[in-house]
Every structure is written in C-alpha cells, then in structure tokens.
Amino acid sequence: MHGINGGPVGGITVTETPESTVAHLWGEIDEALRDQASSALTRALSRDLPVVLDAGEVTFIDSTGVAFLIQFLRIGGEEGIEVRLLNAPAIVTDVLTMLGLGHMFEGGQVQSTARVTGSDEEPPLVRS
C-alpha cells in the first residue's frame, strides 16, 4: 500500500549484526507487506542467530501482521532460535491481548523466548 505521496506506508527492513538479526517493522503492517514479511522471515531465521522484532514504529497492524509475528515465533521455536518482540506500541499489544495472543509473546504456550514489552528494556532470556 502506498500513501498519499505515492511512498510506502509501512515496511519491514532487516539488519544483521554479529549477535542477532533485527527486523524493523514500521508504519502499517498489513497484507501489502506479505512479500516483505516472507523475505524477512527467511533471511532472519536462516542465520541461526537470535531474532529481534522491533515494532517501535508500527502505527497499524491487521490480521496479516499478527500472523507474521506468530509465524516468526512458531518457526523460531521449532528451529530453536530465540525470537523477541521489542518496543511494541499499544496498537500492537492491544491487538495481541484482544485476540488472546499476548501470552505467546511472554514465554507462554509457544516454545519461544519472545515477550511483549512497551519499553526499550531487554526482556529476560528464557531458554525453551
């Protein structure tokens, strides 16, 4: 999807560091980003390093965006890769809570180390 000026209104960029892979989510995380989400998932999880989903600049998320987050968690858990959701604004945490999925990002039923946090603090690492 593009904004009024023709530019994108959301996106996912991946940054690789020696210690982790960071997927920066910004703007509207929805169906329009399906290809970017698939590419980010493949790139991040292929490195076999911890993954950080930085949602600090997300302004909107729909069911496709939620599915992207869950897919990261599930595949990361299956592969034994640590996945964390950081800097999630209320627009993200409220949707996850409303759908009854907040527990998935708090080390709940999904084998993962991710958790929802609304601050810049690093969540504790929990090994599955």
N, C-alpha and C. Protein backbone atom coordinates (compact mmCIF):
# COMPACT_ATOMS: atom_id res chain seq x y z
N MET A 1 0.84 -1.17 0.00
CA MET A 1 0.00 0.00 0.00
C MET A 1 0.89 1.23 0.00
N HIS A 2 0.43 2.26 -0.68
CA HIS A 2 1.19 3.50 -0.76
C HIS A 2 0.39 4.65 -0.17
N GLY A 3 1.10 5.61 0.39
CA GLY A 3 0.47 6.77 0.98
C GLY A 3 0.06 7.78 -0.07
N ILE A 4 -0.39 8.91 0.38
CA ILE A 4 -0.87 9.98 -0.49
C ILE A 4 0.21 10.43 -1.46
N ASN A 5 1.45 10.49 -0.99
CA ASN A 5 2.53 10.95 -1.86
C ASN A 5 3.11 9.83 -2.72
N GLY A 6 2.53 8.65 -2.69
CA GLY A 6 2.98 7.54 -3.51
C GLY A 6 4.02 6.65 -2.86
N GLY A 7 4.55 7.07 -1.70
CA GLY A 7 5.54 6.26 -0.99
C GLY A 7 4.87 5.20 -0.14
N PRO A 8 5.64 4.23 0.31
CA PRO A 8 5.07 3.17 1.14
C PRO A 8 4.61 3.71 2.49
N VAL A 9 3.58 3.10 3.06
CA VAL A 9 3.07 3.50 4.37
C VAL A 9 3.49 2.52 5.45
N GLY A 10 4.27 1.54 5.07
CA GLY A 10 4.77 0.57 6.04
C GLY A 10 5.86 -0.26 5.41
N GLY A 11 6.60 -0.95 6.25
CA GLY A 11 7.65 -1.79 5.72
C GLY A 11 8.33 -2.62 6.78
N ILE A 12 9.17 -3.52 6.31
CA ILE A 12 9.97 -4.38 7.18
C ILE A 12 11.38 -4.37 6.60
N THR A 13 12.33 -3.92 7.39
CA THR A 13 13.72 -3.95 6.97
C THR A 13 14.49 -4.85 7.93
N VAL A 14 15.46 -5.55 7.41
CA VAL A 14 16.24 -6.48 8.21
C VAL A 14 17.68 -5.99 8.31
N THR A 15 18.18 -5.94 9.53
CA THR A 15 19.55 -5.55 9.80
C THR A 15 20.25 -6.73 10.46
N GLU A 16 21.42 -7.06 9.96
CA GLU A 16 22.19 -8.17 10.53
C GLU A 16 23.34 -7.62 11.36
N THR A 17 23.47 -8.14 12.57
CA THR A 17 24.60 -7.82 13.43
C THR A 17 25.31 -9.15 13.72
N PRO A 18 26.50 -9.10 14.27
CA PRO A 18 27.17 -10.36 14.59
C PRO A 18 26.43 -11.20 15.63
N GLU A 19 25.62 -10.54 16.48
CA GLU A 19 24.94 -11.23 17.57
C GLU A 19 23.49 -11.61 17.27
N SER A 20 22.85 -10.92 16.34
CA SER A 20 21.42 -11.15 16.10
C SER A 20 21.00 -10.60 14.75
N THR A 21 19.75 -10.87 14.42
CA THR A 21 19.12 -10.29 13.25
C THR A 21 17.95 -9.45 13.75
N VAL A 22 17.86 -8.21 13.32
CA VAL A 22 16.79 -7.32 13.76
C VAL A 22 15.88 -7.03 12.58
N ALA A 23 14.59 -7.34 12.75
CA ALA A 23 13.58 -6.99 11.76
C ALA A 23 12.87 -5.74 12.29
N HIS A 24 13.07 -4.63 11.61
CA HIS A 24 12.44 -3.36 11.99
C HIS A 24 11.10 -3.26 11.27
N LEU A 25 10.03 -3.21 12.03
CA LEU A 25 8.69 -3.06 11.47
C LEU A 25 8.28 -1.61 11.65
N TRP A 26 7.76 -0.98 10.59
CA TRP A 26 7.38 0.41 10.70
C TRP A 26 6.10 0.68 9.90
N GLY A 27 5.35 1.66 10.37
CA GLY A 27 4.12 2.06 9.68
C GLY A 27 3.04 1.00 9.79
N GLU A 28 2.34 0.78 8.69
CA GLU A 28 1.22 -0.15 8.65
C GLU A 28 1.71 -1.55 8.28
N ILE A 29 1.49 -2.50 9.18
CA ILE A 29 1.89 -3.89 8.97
C ILE A 29 0.63 -4.66 8.59
N ASP A 30 0.48 -4.87 7.27
CA ASP A 30 -0.75 -5.47 6.78
C ASP A 30 -0.48 -6.31 5.53
N GLU A 31 -1.53 -6.70 4.84
CA GLU A 31 -1.47 -7.56 3.66
C GLU A 31 -0.48 -7.05 2.61
N ALA A 32 -0.36 -5.75 2.48
CA ALA A 32 0.51 -5.17 1.46
C ALA A 32 1.98 -5.56 1.68
N LEU A 33 2.33 -6.01 2.88
CA LEU A 33 3.71 -6.34 3.20
C LEU A 33 3.98 -7.84 3.17
N ARG A 34 3.07 -8.61 2.63
CA ARG A 34 3.22 -10.08 2.65
C ARG A 34 4.56 -10.53 2.07
N ASP A 35 4.97 -9.98 0.92
CA ASP A 35 6.24 -10.38 0.31
C ASP A 35 7.43 -9.95 1.17
N GLN A 36 7.38 -8.74 1.72
CA GLN A 36 8.46 -8.27 2.60
C GLN A 36 8.55 -9.14 3.84
N ALA A 37 7.39 -9.51 4.38
CA ALA A 37 7.36 -10.34 5.59
C ALA A 37 7.97 -11.71 5.32
N SER A 38 7.62 -12.30 4.20
CA SER A 38 8.16 -13.61 3.83
C SER A 38 9.67 -13.54 3.66
N SER A 39 10.14 -12.51 2.99
CA SER A 39 11.57 -12.33 2.77
C SER A 39 12.31 -12.11 4.10
N ALA A 40 11.74 -11.29 4.98
CA ALA A 40 12.35 -11.01 6.28
C ALA A 40 12.41 -12.28 7.13
N LEU A 41 11.35 -13.06 7.08
CA LEU A 41 11.30 -14.31 7.84
C LEU A 41 12.40 -15.26 7.37
N THR A 42 12.50 -15.45 6.07
CA THR A 42 13.51 -16.34 5.51
C THR A 42 14.92 -15.87 5.84
N ARG A 43 15.17 -14.59 5.64
CA ARG A 43 16.51 -14.04 5.88
C ARG A 43 16.90 -14.13 7.35
N ALA A 44 15.99 -13.73 8.23
CA ALA A 44 16.31 -13.69 9.66
C ALA A 44 16.51 -15.08 10.24
N LEU A 45 15.64 -16.00 9.91
CA LEU A 45 15.73 -17.33 10.52
C LEU A 45 16.80 -18.21 9.89
N SER A 46 17.29 -17.84 8.71
CA SER A 46 18.33 -18.65 8.07
C SER A 46 19.70 -18.41 8.72
N ARG A 47 19.84 -17.36 9.51
CA ARG A 47 21.13 -17.04 10.12
C ARG A 47 21.39 -17.85 11.38
N ASP A 48 20.39 -18.48 11.94
CA ASP A 48 20.54 -19.29 13.15
C ASP A 48 21.09 -18.48 14.32
N LEU A 49 20.66 -17.21 14.39
CA LEU A 49 21.02 -16.31 15.48
C LEU A 49 19.73 -15.77 16.09
N PRO A 50 19.77 -15.25 17.31
CA PRO A 50 18.58 -14.64 17.88
C PRO A 50 17.97 -13.59 16.96
N VAL A 51 16.65 -13.48 17.00
CA VAL A 51 15.92 -12.53 16.16
C VAL A 51 15.19 -11.54 17.07
N VAL A 52 15.30 -10.26 16.74
CA VAL A 52 14.57 -9.21 17.43
C VAL A 52 13.58 -8.62 16.44
N LEU A 53 12.31 -8.62 16.82
CA LEU A 53 11.28 -7.96 16.04
C LEU A 53 11.05 -6.60 16.70
N ASP A 54 11.57 -5.54 16.11
CA ASP A 54 11.45 -4.21 16.67
C ASP A 54 10.21 -3.54 16.09
N ALA A 55 9.18 -3.44 16.91
CA ALA A 55 7.89 -2.90 16.46
C ALA A 55 7.68 -1.46 16.90
N GLY A 56 8.73 -0.80 17.32
CA GLY A 56 8.63 0.54 17.87
C GLY A 56 8.00 1.59 16.98
N GLU A 57 8.02 1.39 15.66
CA GLU A 57 7.47 2.39 14.76
C GLU A 57 6.20 1.93 14.05
N VAL A 58 5.57 0.88 14.57
CA VAL A 58 4.33 0.38 13.98
C VAL A 58 3.18 1.31 14.34
N THR A 59 2.38 1.68 13.33
CA THR A 59 1.23 2.55 13.55
C THR A 59 -0.10 1.82 13.35
N PHE A 60 -0.04 0.64 12.74
CA PHE A 60 -1.24 -0.15 12.48
C PHE A 60 -0.81 -1.59 12.24
N ILE A 61 -1.64 -2.54 12.71
CA ILE A 61 -1.37 -3.95 12.42
C ILE A 61 -2.71 -4.65 12.23
N ASP A 62 -2.81 -5.47 11.19
CA ASP A 62 -4.04 -6.22 10.96
C ASP A 62 -3.75 -7.70 11.15
N SER A 63 -4.70 -8.55 10.78
CA SER A 63 -4.54 -9.98 11.00
C SER A 63 -3.34 -10.55 10.25
N THR A 64 -3.01 -10.00 9.10
CA THR A 64 -1.84 -10.46 8.36
C THR A 64 -0.57 -10.14 9.13
N GLY A 65 -0.50 -8.96 9.73
CA GLY A 65 0.65 -8.58 10.54
C GLY A 65 0.79 -9.46 11.78
N VAL A 66 -0.35 -9.74 12.43
CA VAL A 66 -0.33 -10.63 13.59
C VAL A 66 0.14 -12.02 13.17
N ALA A 67 -0.35 -12.50 12.03
CA ALA A 67 0.08 -13.82 11.53
C ALA A 67 1.58 -13.84 11.29
N PHE A 68 2.15 -12.75 10.81
CA PHE A 68 3.58 -12.64 10.59
C PHE A 68 4.34 -12.81 11.91
N LEU A 69 3.89 -12.12 12.95
CA LEU A 69 4.55 -12.23 14.26
C LEU A 69 4.47 -13.67 14.78
N ILE A 70 3.30 -14.28 14.67
CA ILE A 70 3.11 -15.64 15.15
C ILE A 70 3.96 -16.62 14.35
N GLN A 71 4.03 -16.41 13.05
CA GLN A 71 4.84 -17.29 12.21
C GLN A 71 6.32 -17.21 12.61
N PHE A 72 6.81 -16.03 12.89
CA PHE A 72 8.18 -15.87 13.35
C PHE A 72 8.40 -16.68 14.63
N LEU A 73 7.48 -16.54 15.56
CA LEU A 73 7.59 -17.25 16.84
C LEU A 73 7.58 -18.76 16.65
N ARG A 74 6.63 -19.24 15.88
CA ARG A 74 6.49 -20.69 15.71
C ARG A 74 7.70 -21.31 15.02
N ILE A 75 8.12 -20.71 13.93
CA ILE A 75 9.27 -21.26 13.20
C ILE A 75 10.53 -21.11 14.03
N GLY A 76 10.70 -19.96 14.67
CA GLY A 76 11.85 -19.78 15.55
C GLY A 76 11.88 -20.82 16.65
N GLY A 77 10.73 -21.08 17.27
CA GLY A 77 10.65 -22.10 18.31
C GLY A 77 10.99 -23.48 17.79
N GLU A 78 10.48 -23.81 16.61
CA GLU A 78 10.77 -25.11 16.01
C GLU A 78 12.25 -25.27 15.70
N GLU A 79 12.89 -24.17 15.32
CA GLU A 79 14.30 -24.21 14.94
C GLU A 79 15.24 -23.95 16.12
N GLY A 80 14.66 -23.68 17.29
CA GLY A 80 15.48 -23.38 18.46
C GLY A 80 16.12 -22.01 18.42
N ILE A 81 15.50 -21.08 17.70
CA ILE A 81 16.03 -19.72 17.57
C ILE A 81 15.23 -18.79 18.47
N GLU A 82 15.93 -18.03 19.27
CA GLU A 82 15.32 -17.05 20.16
C GLU A 82 14.67 -15.94 19.34
N VAL A 83 13.42 -15.62 19.64
CA VAL A 83 12.71 -14.54 18.96
C VAL A 83 12.10 -13.64 20.03
N ARG A 84 12.37 -12.33 19.93
CA ARG A 84 11.82 -11.37 20.90
C ARG A 84 11.10 -10.25 20.17
N LEU A 85 10.00 -9.84 20.73
CA LEU A 85 9.27 -8.67 20.23
C LEU A 85 9.58 -7.52 21.17
N LEU A 86 10.18 -6.45 20.64
CA LEU A 86 10.58 -5.32 21.46
C LEU A 86 9.90 -4.04 21.01
N ASN A 87 9.77 -3.12 21.97
CA ASN A 87 9.27 -1.77 21.70
C ASN A 87 7.87 -1.76 21.10
N ALA A 88 7.09 -2.78 21.40
CA ALA A 88 5.75 -2.87 20.82
C ALA A 88 4.84 -1.77 21.38
N PRO A 89 4.31 -0.92 20.51
CA PRO A 89 3.39 0.12 20.97
C PRO A 89 2.03 -0.48 21.33
N ALA A 90 1.21 0.32 21.96
CA ALA A 90 -0.11 -0.16 22.38
C ALA A 90 -0.93 -0.70 21.21
N ILE A 91 -0.76 -0.14 20.03
CA ILE A 91 -1.53 -0.60 18.87
C ILE A 91 -1.24 -2.08 18.60
N VAL A 92 -0.05 -2.54 18.91
CA VAL A 92 0.31 -3.95 18.72
C VAL A 92 -0.11 -4.77 19.93
N THR A 93 0.28 -4.34 21.13
CA THR A 93 -0.03 -5.12 22.32
C THR A 93 -1.53 -5.23 22.56
N ASP A 94 -2.27 -4.16 22.26
CA ASP A 94 -3.73 -4.20 22.44
C ASP A 94 -4.37 -5.24 21.52
N VAL A 95 -3.92 -5.29 20.26
CA VAL A 95 -4.47 -6.28 19.32
C VAL A 95 -4.13 -7.69 19.77
N LEU A 96 -2.88 -7.91 20.17
CA LEU A 96 -2.48 -9.24 20.64
C LEU A 96 -3.29 -9.66 21.86
N THR A 97 -3.48 -8.73 22.80
CA THR A 97 -4.26 -9.03 24.00
C THR A 97 -5.72 -9.28 23.66
N MET A 98 -6.29 -8.46 22.79
CA MET A 98 -7.68 -8.60 22.40
C MET A 98 -7.93 -9.96 21.75
N LEU A 99 -6.95 -10.45 20.99
CA LEU A 99 -7.08 -11.74 20.32
C LEU A 99 -6.70 -12.91 21.23
N GLY A 100 -6.30 -12.60 22.46
CA GLY A 100 -5.89 -13.65 23.39
C GLY A 100 -4.54 -14.24 23.05
N LEU A 101 -3.68 -13.47 22.39
CA LEU A 101 -2.38 -13.96 21.94
C LEU A 101 -1.20 -13.35 22.69
N GLY A 102 -1.47 -12.48 23.64
CA GLY A 102 -0.39 -11.84 24.37
C GLY A 102 0.52 -12.84 25.04
N HIS A 103 -0.04 -13.95 25.52
CA HIS A 103 0.76 -14.97 26.20
C HIS A 103 1.83 -15.57 25.29
N MET A 104 1.59 -15.54 23.99
CA MET A 104 2.57 -16.11 23.06
C MET A 104 3.86 -15.33 23.06
N PHE A 105 3.79 -14.07 23.45
CA PHE A 105 4.95 -13.21 23.46
C PHE A 105 5.46 -12.99 24.87
N GLU A 106 5.05 -13.86 25.79
CA GLU A 106 5.50 -13.79 27.17
C GLU A 106 6.04 -15.15 27.62
N GLY A 107 6.50 -15.96 26.68
CA GLY A 107 7.03 -17.27 27.03
C GLY A 107 5.94 -18.24 27.43
N GLY A 108 4.72 -18.04 26.94
CA GLY A 108 3.59 -18.88 27.29
C GLY A 108 3.59 -20.21 26.56
N GLN A 109 2.53 -20.51 25.87
CA GLN A 109 2.34 -21.82 25.28
C GLN A 109 3.26 -22.11 24.10
N VAL A 110 3.67 -21.10 23.36
CA VAL A 110 4.56 -21.32 22.23
C VAL A 110 5.99 -21.44 22.75
N GLN A 111 6.72 -22.39 22.24
CA GLN A 111 8.12 -22.57 22.63
C GLN A 111 8.91 -21.40 22.06
N SER A 112 9.10 -20.38 22.85
CA SER A 112 9.76 -19.18 22.38
C SER A 112 10.29 -18.40 23.55
N THR A 113 11.16 -17.44 23.27
CA THR A 113 11.64 -16.55 24.31
C THR A 113 11.08 -15.15 24.13
N ALA A 114 10.17 -14.98 23.20
CA ALA A 114 9.64 -13.64 22.93
C ALA A 114 8.65 -13.24 24.00
N ARG A 115 8.52 -11.94 24.17
CA ARG A 115 7.50 -11.40 25.05
C ARG A 115 7.19 -9.99 24.61
N VAL A 116 6.00 -9.55 24.93
CA VAL A 116 5.60 -8.20 24.58
C VAL A 116 6.17 -7.25 25.61
N THR A 117 6.73 -6.16 25.15
CA THR A 117 7.21 -5.13 26.05
C THR A 117 6.98 -3.78 25.39
N GLY A 118 6.58 -2.82 26.15
CA GLY A 118 6.33 -1.50 25.59
C GLY A 118 7.47 -0.54 25.84
N SER A 119 8.59 -1.04 26.33
CA SER A 119 9.71 -0.16 26.62
C SER A 119 10.96 -0.64 25.91
N ASP A 120 12.03 0.08 26.10
CA ASP A 120 13.29 -0.28 25.47
C ASP A 120 14.08 -1.31 26.28
N GLU A 121 13.56 -1.71 27.44
CA GLU A 121 14.31 -2.65 28.25
C GLU A 121 14.39 -4.01 27.58
N GLU A 122 15.48 -4.68 27.79
CA GLU A 122 15.67 -6.01 27.22
C GLU A 122 14.91 -7.01 28.08
N PRO A 123 14.04 -7.84 27.47
CA PRO A 123 13.37 -8.85 28.27
C PRO A 123 14.35 -9.94 28.66
N PRO A 124 14.08 -10.62 29.77
CA PRO A 124 15.00 -11.68 30.17
C PRO A 124 14.96 -12.81 29.16
N LEU A 125 16.10 -13.42 28.96
CA LEU A 125 16.19 -14.54 28.03
C LEU A 125 15.75 -15.80 28.76
N VAL A 126 14.87 -16.54 28.11
CA VAL A 126 14.38 -17.79 28.68
C VAL A 126 14.62 -18.86 27.65
N ARG A 127 15.32 -19.88 28.00
CA ARG A 127 15.58 -20.99 27.08
C ARG A 127 14.46 -21.98 27.16
N SER A 128 13.98 -22.43 25.98
CA SER A 128 12.90 -23.41 25.92
C SER A 128 13.44 -24.80 26.17
